[in-house]
Protein backbone atom coordinates (compact mmCIF):
# COMPACT_ATOMS: atom_id res chain seq x y z
CA UNK A 1 0.00 -0.49 0.30
CA UNK A 2 1.71 3.78 -1.01
CA UNK A 3 3.07 4.81 2.00
CA UNK A 4 3.47 2.24 4.31
CA UNK A 5 6.84 1.73 5.84
CA UNK A 6 8.85 -1.13 3.92
CA UNK A 7 11.00 -3.33 6.54
CA UNK A 8 13.99 -4.71 5.28
CA UNK A 9 13.88 -7.96 7.70
CA UNK A 10 18.24 -10.26 7.28
CA UNK A 11 18.54 -13.59 8.27
CA UNK A 12 22.28 -14.61 10.04
CA UNK A 13 23.50 -17.20 11.87
CA UNK A 14 25.97 -17.19 14.81
CA UNK A 15 28.23 -20.06 14.88
CA UNK A 16 31.17 -22.11 17.16
CA UNK A 17 32.40 -24.62 19.19
CA UNK A 18 30.95 -25.20 22.93
CA UNK A 19 32.44 -22.33 24.88
CA UNK A 20 33.01 -20.29 22.25
CA UNK A 21 30.33 -17.44 23.93
CA UNK A 22 27.02 -18.30 22.25
CA UNK A 23 25.20 -20.65 25.47
CA UNK A 24 23.06 -22.07 22.60
CA UNK A 25 24.43 -25.88 23.64
CA UNK A 26 20.96 -27.66 22.08
CA UNK A 27 18.67 -26.71 19.56
CA UNK A 28 18.35 -23.23 18.97
CA UNK A 29 18.78 -19.57 19.81
CA UNK A 30 16.35 -16.89 18.73
CA UNK A 31 16.91 -13.20 18.73
CA UNK A 32 15.71 -9.61 17.11
CA UNK A 33 17.33 -6.46 16.86
CA UNK A 34 15.40 -3.58 15.19
CA UNK A 35 18.50 -0.88 13.69
CA UNK A 36 16.12 0.88 12.89
CA UNK A 37 12.29 1.18 11.92
CA UNK A 38 13.20 -0.58 8.35
CA UNK A 39 15.62 -2.74 9.32
CA UNK A 40 15.68 -5.56 11.70
CA UNK A 41 18.43 -8.77 11.86
CA UNK A 42 16.57 -12.28 12.65
CA UNK A 43 20.24 -13.52 14.34
CA UNK A 44 19.78 -17.79 15.06
CA UNK A 45 22.35 -19.40 16.97
CA UNK A 46 23.38 -23.14 16.13
CA UNK A 47 24.27 -25.34 18.44
CA UNK A 48 26.79 -25.71 19.59
CA UNK A 49 27.25 -29.94 19.66
CA UNK A 50 28.60 -32.11 16.65
CA UNK A 51 25.46 -34.24 17.33
CA UNK A 52 22.83 -31.71 16.70
CA UNK A 53 25.36 -30.40 13.35
CA UNK A 54 21.48 -31.86 11.06
CA UNK A 55 20.24 -28.31 12.67
CA UNK A 56 22.48 -26.58 10.26
CA UNK A 57 21.08 -26.58 6.93
CA UNK A 58 17.60 -25.85 8.58
CA UNK A 59 18.87 -22.98 10.28
CA UNK A 60 20.87 -21.37 7.90
CA UNK A 61 18.53 -21.52 5.09
CA UNK A 62 17.97 -17.71 3.45
CA UNK A 63 20.56 -16.30 5.28
CA UNK A 64 22.23 -13.14 3.91
CA UNK A 65 25.45 -14.12 6.53
CA UNK A 66 27.39 -15.61 9.91
CA UNK A 67 28.91 -14.76 11.97
CA UNK A 68 31.26 -17.83 13.33
CA UNK A 69 32.07 -17.23 16.70
CA UNK A 70 36.36 -18.10 17.91
CA UNK A 71 37.64 -19.19 21.75
CA UNK A 72 41.24 -17.84 20.12
CA UNK A 73 42.05 -21.04 22.77
CA UNK A 74 40.70 -23.40 20.82
CA UNK A 75 40.67 -21.81 17.66
CA UNK A 76 40.44 -26.12 16.46
CA UNK A 77 36.87 -26.20 17.71
CA UNK A 78 35.65 -23.25 14.88
CA UNK A 79 36.74 -25.49 11.49
CA UNK A 80 33.64 -27.41 11.72
CA UNK A 81 32.07 -23.91 10.82
CA UNK A 82 34.16 -22.13 8.56
CA UNK A 83 33.67 -25.69 6.48
CA UNK A 84 30.37 -25.95 6.35
CA UNK A 85 29.61 -21.73 5.76
CA UNK A 86 32.76 -21.92 2.69
CA UNK A 87 31.16 -25.16 0.93
CA UNK A 88 27.95 -23.56 1.76
CA UNK A 89 28.94 -19.72 -0.24
CA UNK A 90 26.73 -17.98 2.65
CA UNK A 91 29.47 -14.86 4.09
CA UNK A 92 30.84 -14.65 6.94
CA UNK A 93 32.99 -13.23 9.66
CA UNK A 94 34.50 -15.30 12.19
CA UNK A 95 34.62 -13.03 15.60
CA UNK A 96 36.72 -14.07 18.24
CA UNK A 97 34.98 -13.85 21.10
CA UNK A 98 38.72 -12.76 24.01
CA UNK A 99 38.93 -14.13 27.47
CA UNK A 100 40.43 -12.46 30.16
CA UNK A 101 43.65 -14.30 30.22
CA UNK A 102 43.70 -16.08 27.34
CA UNK A 103 46.86 -14.73 24.48
CA UNK A 104 47.08 -11.20 22.59
CA UNK A 105 46.97 -12.74 18.48
CA UNK A 106 46.25 -10.33 15.43
CA UNK A 107 43.91 -10.62 13.66
CA UNK A 108 45.84 -11.84 10.76
CA UNK A 109 47.42 -14.35 13.20
CA UNK A 110 43.61 -15.94 13.61
CA UNK A 111 42.91 -15.92 9.16
CA UNK A 112 46.48 -17.64 8.60
CA UNK A 113 45.23 -20.64 11.64
CA UNK A 114 41.55 -20.99 10.55
CA UNK A 115 42.89 -20.79 7.02
CA UNK A 116 40.23 -18.42 5.37
CA UNK A 117 39.41 -17.44 2.06
CA UNK A 118 41.56 -13.60 0.98
CA UNK A 119 39.53 -11.29 2.73
CA UNK A 120 37.15 -13.09 5.16
CA UNK A 121 36.73 -10.64 7.56
CA UNK A 122 38.32 -11.35 11.60
CA UNK A 123 37.20 -9.25 14.01
CA UNK A 124 38.61 -9.07 18.14
CA UNK A 125 35.62 -8.81 20.28
CA UNK A 126 33.81 -9.35 23.36
CA UNK A 127 30.16 -10.95 23.27
CA UNK A 128 29.51 -9.71 26.22
CA UNK A 129 29.91 -5.99 25.45
CA UNK A 130 27.11 -4.46 22.96
CA UNK A 131 29.11 -1.76 21.42
CA UNK A 132 31.50 -5.25 20.84
CA UNK A 133 28.92 -7.07 19.49
CA UNK A 134 27.10 -4.50 17.25
CA UNK A 135 29.88 -3.80 15.63
CA UNK A 136 30.75 -7.32 14.68
CA UNK A 137 27.26 -7.00 13.44
CA UNK A 138 27.94 -4.19 11.37
CA UNK A 139 31.67 -5.00 9.81
CA UNK A 140 29.00 -8.81 8.84
CA UNK A 141 26.18 -6.64 7.45
CA UNK A 142 28.46 -4.74 4.85
CA UNK A 143 30.58 -7.72 4.56
CA UNK A 144 27.89 -10.06 2.92
CA UNK A 145 26.35 -6.98 0.97
CA UNK A 146 29.52 -6.44 -0.55
CA UNK A 147 29.65 -10.41 -1.54
CA UNK A 148 26.35 -10.65 -2.22
CA UNK A 149 26.77 -7.14 -4.65
CA UNK A 150 29.80 -9.07 -6.35
CA UNK A 151 28.29 -12.72 -6.77
CA UNK A 152 25.25 -10.39 -7.92
CA UNK A 153 27.35 -8.64 -10.91
CA UNK A 154 29.59 -11.77 -11.57
CA UNK A 155 26.35 -13.28 -12.76
CA UNK A 156 24.92 -10.26 -15.20
CA UNK A 157 28.58 -9.50 -16.50
């Protein structure tokens, strides 16, 4: 109807190893963030345990992007999520949750350790801090927008 506001809803999946800081153990988590009156983010947290991996396909259906939440002390726990999103061609950002007493590593160190494709963003964050979480979401939406635009242009070019 003319005059009605258009609302854009974007789906983002949050994955990561058990204990990385996303809280989901079984089933899934759901959250909604209204950025402004025309933009809402729907966040779906994947279960952290391998035995629930079968749920991922349904959770990722229609996702704009994903966030892989990583614990710097156990980066190997991220390999399955990174592989899943790379195979599915779902743009993703690796958000390294900084825990007190954990070793310090740069974004480049993490990208190399996870053997990420060139350009895949790595963001250092504190999942308990609202501003830090907001920065991760912004970087994710921006990156996904660039990736989807590039794919669209490549398809028509």
